[in-house]
C-alpha atoms as a PDB file:
ATOM      1  CA  MET A   1       0.184   0.346  -0.288  1.00  0.00           C
ATOM      2  CA  ALA A   2       1.550   3.113  -0.852  1.00  0.00           C
ATOM      3  CA  LEU A   3       2.113   5.973   1.646  1.00  0.00           C
ATOM      4  CA  PRO A   4       0.080   9.238   1.177  1.00  0.00           C
ATOM      5  CA  SER A   5       1.771  12.639   0.227  1.00  0.00           C
ATOM      6  CA  THR A   6       2.169  15.366   3.630  1.00  0.00           C
ATOM      7  CA  ILE A   7      -0.165  18.321   2.989  1.00  0.00           C
ATOM      8  CA  TYR A   8       0.976  22.005   4.301  1.00  0.00           C
ATOM      9  CA  ARG A   9      -0.490  24.777   4.108  1.00  0.00           C
ATOM     10  CA  ALA A  10       1.082  28.361   3.700  1.00  0.00           C
ATOM     11  CA  SER A  11       0.460  31.373   4.553  1.00  0.00           C
ATOM     12  CA  ILE A  12       3.095  33.672   3.184  1.00  0.00           C
ATOM     13  CA  GLN A  13       3.335  37.553   3.372  1.00  0.00           C
ATOM     14  CA  LEU A  14       5.937  38.717   0.630  1.00  0.00           C
ATOM     15  CA  SER A  15       7.017  41.645  -0.175  1.00  0.00           C
ATOM     16  CA  ASP A  16       9.855  41.830  -2.689  1.00  0.00           C
ATOM     17  CA  LEU A  17      11.365  45.371  -3.377  1.00  0.00           C
ATOM     18  CA  ASP A  18      13.661  44.187  -5.836  1.00  0.00           C
ATOM     19  CA  ARG A  19      10.412  42.830  -8.444  1.00  0.00           C
ATOM     20  CA  GLN A  20       8.347  45.243  -6.411  1.00  0.00           C
ATOM     21  CA  VAL A  21       5.735  41.881  -6.486  1.00  0.00           C
ATOM     22  CA  TYR A  22       3.486  42.855  -2.470  1.00  0.00           C
ATOM     23  CA  GLU A  23       1.085  39.424  -2.156  1.00  0.00           C
ATOM     24  CA  GLN A  24      -0.569  37.945   0.712  1.00  0.00           C
ATOM     25  CA  LEU A  25      -0.167  34.175  -0.625  1.00  0.00           C
ATOM     26  CA  GLN A  26      -2.365  31.366   0.748  1.00  0.00           C
ATOM     27  CA  THR A  27      -1.261  28.159  -1.232  1.00  0.00           C
ATOM     28  CA  THR A  28      -1.007  24.316  -0.149  1.00  0.00           C
ATOM     29  CA  ILE A  29       1.704  21.974  -0.833  1.00  0.00           C
ATOM     30  CA  ALA A  30       2.349  18.167  -1.435  1.00  0.00           C
ATOM     31  CA  ARG A  31       4.916  16.772  -0.132  1.00  0.00           C
ATOM     32  CA  HIS A  32       5.041  13.325  -1.788  1.00  0.00           C
ATOM     33  CA  PRO A  33       6.578  10.171   0.327  1.00  0.00           C
ATOM     34  CA  SER A  34       9.756   9.760  -1.546  1.00  0.00           C
ATOM     35  CA  GLU A  35      10.175  13.966  -0.703  1.00  0.00           C
ATOM     36  CA  THR A  36      12.457  14.983   1.046  1.00  0.00           C
ATOM     37  CA  GLU A  37      11.660  17.961   3.709  1.00  0.00           C
ATOM     38  CA  GLU A  38      14.421  19.857   1.878  1.00  0.00           C
ATOM     39  CA  ARG A  39      13.226  19.725  -1.532  1.00  0.00           C
ATOM     40  CA  LEU A  40       9.377  20.627  -0.346  1.00  0.00           C
ATOM     41  CA  VAL A  41      11.255  23.804   1.391  1.00  0.00           C
ATOM     42  CA  VAL A  42      12.876  24.786  -1.991  1.00  0.00           C
ATOM     43  CA  ARG A  43      10.429  24.533  -3.427  1.00  0.00           C
ATOM     44  CA  LEU A  44       8.077  26.924  -1.562  1.00  0.00           C
ATOM     45  CA  LEU A  45      10.966  29.484  -2.467  1.00  0.00           C
ATOM     46  CA  ALA A  46      11.074  29.091  -5.343  1.00  0.00           C
ATOM     47  CA  TYR A  47       7.357  29.399  -5.630  1.00  0.00           C
ATOM     48  CA  LEU A  48       8.166  32.989  -4.088  1.00  0.00           C
ATOM     49  CA  LEU A  49      11.110  34.137  -5.347  1.00  0.00           C
ATOM     50  CA  CYS A  50       9.546  33.385  -8.719  1.00  0.00           C
ATOM     51  CA  TYR A  51       6.008  34.584  -7.959  1.00  0.00           C
ATOM     52  CA  GLN A  52       3.714  36.367 -10.401  1.00  0.00           C
ATOM     53  CA  GLU A  53      -0.120  35.262 -11.729  1.00  0.00           C
ATOM     54  CA  GLY A  54      -1.137  32.046 -12.853  1.00  0.00           C
ATOM     55  CA  LEU A  55       2.585  30.025 -10.914  1.00  0.00           C
ATOM     56  CA  VAL A  56       1.045  26.949  -9.933  1.00  0.00           C
ATOM     57  CA  PHE A  57       3.642  23.764  -8.190  1.00  0.00           C
ATOM     58  CA  THR A  58       2.929  20.913 -11.211  1.00  0.00           C
ATOM     59  CA  LYS A  59       2.564  16.925  -9.472  1.00  0.00           C
ATOM     60  CA  GLY A  60       6.582  18.006  -9.045  1.00  0.00           C
ATOM     61  CA  VAL A  61       7.399  13.793  -8.282  1.00  0.00           C
ATOM     62  CA  GLY A  62       5.029  11.964  -9.340  1.00  0.00           C
ATOM     63  CA  ALA A  63       4.940  14.243 -12.993  1.00  0.00           C
ATOM     64  CA  GLY A  64       8.019  13.134 -15.415  1.00  0.00           C
ATOM     65  CA  ASP A  65       7.389  15.830 -17.750  1.00  0.00           C
ATOM     66  CA  GLU A  66       6.292  18.870 -16.095  1.00  0.00           C
ATOM     67  CA  PRO A  67       8.887  20.712 -14.010  1.00  0.00           C
ATOM     68  CA  ASP A  68       8.155  21.772 -10.067  1.00  0.00           C
ATOM     69  CA  LEU A  69       6.686  24.507 -10.917  1.00  0.00           C
ATOM     70  CA  TRP A  70       4.860  27.119 -13.928  1.00  0.00           C
ATOM     71  CA  VAL A  71       3.524  29.265 -15.481  1.00  0.00           C
ATOM     72  CA  ILE A  72       1.066  28.176 -18.734  1.00  0.00           C
ATOM     73  CA  GLY A  73       0.257  30.902 -21.380  1.00  0.00           C
ATOM     74  CA  PRO A  74      -3.731  31.840 -23.352  1.00  0.00           C
ATOM     75  CA  ASP A  75      -2.023  29.679 -25.586  1.00  0.00           C
ATOM     76  CA  GLY A  76      -1.391  26.435 -23.889  1.00  0.00           C
ATOM     77  CA  ARG A  77       2.253  26.188 -23.258  1.00  0.00           C
ATOM     78  CA  PRO A  78       4.078  26.864 -20.576  1.00  0.00           C
ATOM     79  CA  THR A  79       5.772  30.224 -19.719  1.00  0.00           C
ATOM     80  CA  LEU A  80       8.126  29.940 -16.966  1.00  0.00           C
ATOM     81  CA  TRP A  81       9.714  26.831 -16.082  1.00  0.00           C
ATOM     82  CA  VAL A  82      11.093  25.775 -12.798  1.00  0.00           C
ATOM     83  CA  GLU A  83      12.737  23.066 -11.705  1.00  0.00           C
ATOM     84  CA  VAL A  84      14.524  22.036  -8.108  1.00  0.00           C
ATOM     85  CA  GLY A  85      17.284  20.139  -7.052  1.00  0.00           C
ATOM     86  CA  LEU A  86      20.400  18.826  -9.505  1.00  0.00           C
ATOM     87  CA  PRO A  87      18.193  17.629 -12.463  1.00  0.00           C
ATOM     88  CA  ASP A  88      18.787  15.782 -16.289  1.00  0.00           C
ATOM     89  CA  PRO A  89      20.527  19.252 -17.417  1.00  0.00           C
ATOM     90  CA  GLU A  90      19.444  18.223 -21.153  1.00  0.00           C
ATOM     91  CA  ARG A  91      15.259  19.497 -19.462  1.00  0.00           C
ATOM     92  CA  LEU A  92      16.913  22.129 -18.580  1.00  0.00           C
ATOM     93  CA  VAL A  93      18.422  22.974 -21.875  1.00  0.00           C
ATOM     94  CA  LYS A  94      15.414  21.138 -23.261  1.00  0.00           C
ATOM     95  CA  ALA A  95      12.440  23.388 -21.861  1.00  0.00           C
ATOM     96  CA  SER A  96      15.230  26.408 -21.959  1.00  0.00           C
ATOM     97  CA  ARG A  97      14.403  26.141 -26.302  1.00  0.00           C
ATOM     98  CA  HIS A  98      10.676  25.799 -25.657  1.00  0.00           C
ATOM     99  CA  VAL A  99      10.039  28.890 -22.504  1.00  0.00           C
ATOM    100  CA  GLY A 100      10.262  32.003 -22.350  1.00  0.00           C
ATOM    101  CA  CYS A 101      12.021  31.723 -18.826  1.00  0.00           C
ATOM    102  CA  THR A 102      13.315  28.746 -17.131  1.00  0.00           C
ATOM    103  CA  VAL A 103      15.210  28.633 -13.554  1.00  0.00           C
ATOM    104  CA  LEU A 104      16.681  26.029 -11.335  1.00  0.00           C
ATOM    105  CA  PHE A 105      16.825  26.702  -7.616  1.00  0.00           C
ATOM    106  CA  SER A 106      19.233  24.185  -7.418  1.00  0.00           C
ATOM    107  CA  PHE A 107      20.826  22.398  -3.686  1.00  0.00           C
ATOM    108  CA  GLY A 108      21.878  19.223  -1.985  1.00  0.00           C
ATOM    109  CA  ARG A 109      24.689  17.279  -1.150  1.00  0.00           C
ATOM    110  CA  ASN A 110      26.615  17.379  -4.665  1.00  0.00           C
ATOM    111  CA  LEU A 111      25.842  20.668  -5.925  1.00  0.00           C
ATOM    112  CA  ALA A 112      29.675  21.826  -6.496  1.00  0.00           C
ATOM    113  CA  GLN A 113      30.149  18.600  -8.657  1.00  0.00           C
ATOM    114  CA  TRP A 114      26.736  18.286 -10.940  1.00  0.00           C
ATOM    115  CA  LEU A 115      27.918  23.044 -11.184  1.00  0.00           C
ATOM    116  CA  ALA A 116      31.072  21.512 -11.686  1.00  0.00           C
ATOM    117  CA  GLN A 117      29.998  19.215 -14.596  1.00  0.00           C
ATOM    118  CA  HIS A 118      27.478  21.233 -16.320  1.00  0.00           C
ATOM    119  CA  GLN A 119      27.741  25.089 -15.793  1.00  0.00           C
ATOM    120  CA  THR A 120      29.363  25.684 -18.901  1.00  0.00           C
ATOM    121  CA  LYS A 121      26.914  23.661 -21.092  1.00  0.00           C
ATOM    122  CA  LEU A 122      23.965  25.596 -18.915  1.00  0.00           C
ATOM    123  CA  ALA A 123      25.949  29.150 -19.540  1.00  0.00           C
ATOM    124  CA  GLY A 124      25.297  28.346 -23.324  1.00  0.00           C
ATOM    125  CA  CYS A 125      21.158  29.002 -22.032  1.00  0.00           C
ATOM    126  CA  ARG A 126      20.200  32.489 -23.103  1.00  0.00           C
ATOM    127  CA  ASN A 127      17.287  31.908 -20.512  1.00  0.00           C
ATOM    128  CA  LEU A 128      17.968  30.260 -18.151  1.00  0.00           C
ATOM    129  CA  THR A 129      18.486  31.557 -14.714  1.00  0.00           C
ATOM    130  CA  VAL A 130      20.352  29.352 -11.579  1.00  0.00           C
ATOM    131  CA  LEU A 131      20.346  29.382  -8.476  1.00  0.00           C
ATOM    132  CA  ALA A 132      22.201  27.255  -5.360  1.00  0.00           C
ATOM    133  CA  ILE A 133      20.405  27.477  -2.215  1.00  0.00           C
ATOM    134  CA  ASP A 134      22.637  28.107   1.287  1.00  0.00           C
ATOM    135  CA  ALA A 135      22.842  24.725   2.671  1.00  0.00           C
ATOM    136  CA  GLN A 136      23.178  26.132   6.063  1.00  0.00           C
ATOM    137  CA  PHE A 137      20.122  28.755   6.027  1.00  0.00           C
ATOM    138  CA  LEU A 138      18.246  25.515   4.298  1.00  0.00           C
ATOM    139  CA  ALA A 139      19.097  23.466   6.905  1.00  0.00           C
ATOM    140  CA  SER A 140      17.021  26.334   9.004  1.00  0.00           C
ATOM    141  CA  MET A 141      14.006  26.367   7.336  1.00  0.00           C
ATOM    142  CA  VAL A 142      13.601  23.065   7.662  1.00  0.00           C
ATOM    143  CA  GLY A 143      14.240  23.278  11.285  1.00  0.00           C
ATOM    144  CA  THR A 144      11.603  25.303  11.439  1.00  0.00           C
ATOM    145  CA  LEU A 145       8.918  23.560   9.097  1.00  0.00           C
ATOM    146  CA  GLU A 146       5.657  22.680  10.129  1.00  0.00           C
ATOM    147  CA  ARG A 147       2.433  21.693   8.632  1.00  0.00           C
ATOM    148  CA  MET A 148       1.017  25.034   8.943  1.00  0.00           C
ATOM    149  CA  ILE A 149       3.410  27.279   8.190  1.00  0.00           C
ATOM    150  CA  SER A 150       3.141  30.924   8.269  1.00  0.00           C
ATOM    151  CA  TRP A 151       5.729  33.600   6.426  1.00  0.00           C
ATOM    152  CA  GLU A 152       7.140  36.582   6.717  1.00  0.00           C
ATOM    153  CA  VAL A 153       9.482  36.846   3.826  1.00  0.00           C
ATOM    154  CA  THR A 154      11.086  40.058   2.315  1.00  0.00           C
ATOM    155  CA  VAL A 155      13.442  40.315  -0.831  1.00  0.00           C
ATOM    156  CA  THR A 156      15.735  43.495  -0.991  1.00  0.00           C
ATOM    157  CA  GLU A 157      18.998  43.612  -3.317  1.00  0.00           C
ATOM    158  CA  GLY A 158      18.906  39.844  -3.915  1.00  0.00           C
ATOM    159  CA  THR A 159      18.846  38.905  -0.363  1.00  0.00           C
ATOM    160  CA  LEU A 160      15.363  37.503   1.399  1.00  0.00           C
ATOM    161  CA  TYR A 161      14.957  37.528   4.896  1.00  0.00           C
ATOM    162  CA  LEU A 162      12.450  35.044   6.854  1.00  0.00           C
ATOM    163  CA  THR A 163      10.771  35.482  10.202  1.00  0.00           C
ATOM    164  CA  VAL A 164       9.073  32.450  10.680  1.00  0.00           C
ATOM    165  CA  GLY A 165       8.214  32.092  14.361  1.00  0.00           C
ATOM    166  CA  GLY A 166      10.338  35.661  15.446  1.00  0.00           C
ATOM    167  CA  GLU A 167      13.522  34.685  14.342  1.00  0.00           C
ATOM    168  CA  THR A 168      14.646  35.473  11.476  1.00  0.00           C
ATOM    169  CA  LEU A 169      17.119  34.243   8.831  1.00  0.00           C
ATOM    170  CA  GLU A 170      18.833  35.492   5.738  1.00  0.00           C
ATOM    171  CA  THR A 171      20.030  34.561   2.530  1.00  0.00           C
ATOM    172  CA  SER A 172      21.299  35.937  -1.261  1.00  0.00           C
ATOM    173  CA  PRO A 173      21.026  32.849  -2.607  1.00  0.00           C
ATOM    174  CA  ALA A 174      24.378  32.423  -5.465  1.00  0.00           C
ATOM    175  CA  LEU A 175      23.448  33.397  -9.211  1.00  0.00           C
ATOM    176  CA  VAL A 176      25.619  30.685 -10.852  1.00  0.00           C
ATOM    177  CA  VAL A 177      24.112  30.920 -14.430  1.00  0.00           C
ATOM    178  CA  GLY A 178      21.732  33.358 -16.188  1.00  0.00           C
ATOM    179  CA  SER A 179      20.679  36.783 -14.781  1.00  0.00           C
ATOM    180  CA  ALA A 180      19.081  38.124 -11.418  1.00  0.00           C
ATOM    181  CA  LEU A 181      15.571  36.935 -11.701  1.00  0.00           C
END
């Protein structure tokens, strides 16, 4: 018998001064049994840093042909493709050829090795942005994770400030390839 997904409900006050996005967001995010808490948190972080009207979580881990998040245009084609983790670089190259904007939020134990191996190839994609998430920041975020998420997030001059339970965490996602969001 398969294990069910764990459901998280998030209420997030987003103030992205860099992009002039100010929203009170309410969302539900499902964590597949095979998904780590780190990956779940990075998917939510990607949602916030790429937030725009129409951005939705896809089926994620269970859907091999979909990214983690996307925006579908009026013609039914994706206009924004957002991946999380260390995916096959060919997948990113293909997405960047067919989608207006492709973003990867990279993290994990093998991040340095993965980047060393694929960064040159990915740098050739004109509409691909690759950001690296700091492992220590990610561990701190996971330490605050609850099923009812209540965050205040401010982004200014490339720095993200996340306030949860009276504690503020800070990071600046490292731009590895492409241009800032």
